[in-house]
Amino acid sequence: MRVRRILGAVLAAATLTCVSAIGAAGVAAASSPNISRDDCAAAGGQVVSRAYAGYACALPDGTNPAIT
């Protein structure tokens, strides 16, 4: 019975680790790339200031990529 508990705990930890790694990779892939001010204006966006994070481009589709 004790072996089952240990194996269950190991399996649960491995599952959570895998899920968090997949989630982090998905977030990295889903983040918007950086663009320039000129590209922002050409795409119909507006340059906005973010507190402690520099500038971003508020695009009409709702994304906010960082300005490089």
Protein backbone atom coordinates (compact mmCIF):
# COMPACT_ATOMS: atom_id res chain seq x y z
CA MET A 1 0.00 0.00 0.00
CA ARG A 2 2.84 2.36 0.83
CA VAL A 3 4.45 1.74 -2.57
CA ARG A 4 1.24 2.80 -4.29
CA ARG A 5 1.20 6.09 -2.41
CA ILE A 6 4.81 6.81 -3.28
CA LEU A 7 4.27 5.96 -6.94
CA GLY A 8 1.12 8.08 -6.99
CA ALA A 9 2.98 11.05 -5.52
CA VAL A 10 5.81 10.65 -8.05
CA LEU A 11 3.34 10.43 -10.93
CA ALA A 12 1.46 13.51 -9.71
CA ALA A 13 4.68 15.52 -9.40
CA ALA A 14 5.82 14.47 -12.87
CA THR A 15 2.45 15.39 -14.35
CA LEU A 16 2.48 18.83 -12.74
CA THR A 17 6.04 19.45 -13.91
CA CYS A 18 5.17 18.50 -17.48
CA VAL A 19 2.02 20.66 -17.47
CA SER A 20 3.90 23.69 -16.16
CA ALA A 21 6.67 23.24 -18.74
CA ILE A 22 4.14 22.99 -21.57
CA GLY A 23 2.30 26.03 -20.23
CA ALA A 24 5.49 28.09 -20.11
CA ALA A 25 6.37 27.11 -23.67
CA GLY A 26 2.88 28.05 -24.83
CA VAL A 27 3.08 31.45 -23.18
CA ALA A 28 6.46 32.13 -24.77
CA ALA A 29 5.14 31.14 -28.18
CA ALA A 30 1.99 33.21 -27.79
CA SER A 31 3.71 36.43 -26.77
CA SER A 32 3.89 39.14 -29.40
CA PRO A 33 7.22 39.93 -31.04
CA ASN A 34 8.88 43.32 -30.67
CA ILE A 35 8.24 45.93 -33.37
CA SER A 36 9.56 49.39 -34.17
CA ARG A 37 7.70 52.69 -33.81
CA ASP A 38 7.46 53.00 -37.59
CA ASP A 39 5.99 49.50 -37.92
CA CYS A 40 3.50 50.34 -35.17
CA ALA A 41 2.31 53.47 -36.97
CA ALA A 42 2.13 51.62 -40.31
CA ALA A 43 -0.06 48.93 -38.73
CA GLY A 44 -2.49 51.53 -37.37
CA GLY A 45 -1.31 51.22 -33.79
CA GLN A 46 -0.59 53.80 -31.12
CA VAL A 47 2.60 53.96 -29.02
CA VAL A 48 1.75 53.81 -25.31
CA SER A 49 3.93 54.03 -22.20
CA ARG A 50 3.87 51.13 -19.73
CA ALA A 51 4.93 51.73 -16.14
CA TYR A 52 8.36 50.18 -15.50
CA ALA A 53 8.22 48.34 -18.85
CA GLY A 54 9.05 50.97 -21.47
CA TYR A 55 6.87 51.54 -24.51
CA ALA A 56 4.42 49.29 -26.31
CA CYS A 57 2.31 49.48 -29.42
CA ALA A 58 -1.46 49.22 -28.88
CA LEU A 59 -2.62 47.57 -32.11
CA PRO A 60 -6.25 47.56 -33.27
CA ASP A 61 -6.45 43.75 -32.85
CA GLY A 62 -5.82 44.11 -29.09
CA THR A 63 -2.19 42.98 -28.95
CA ASN A 64 0.48 45.08 -27.25
CA PRO A 65 3.96 44.17 -28.55
CA ALA A 66 6.97 45.91 -27.02
CA ILE A 67 8.64 48.72 -28.95
CA THR A 68 12.30 48.14 -29.84
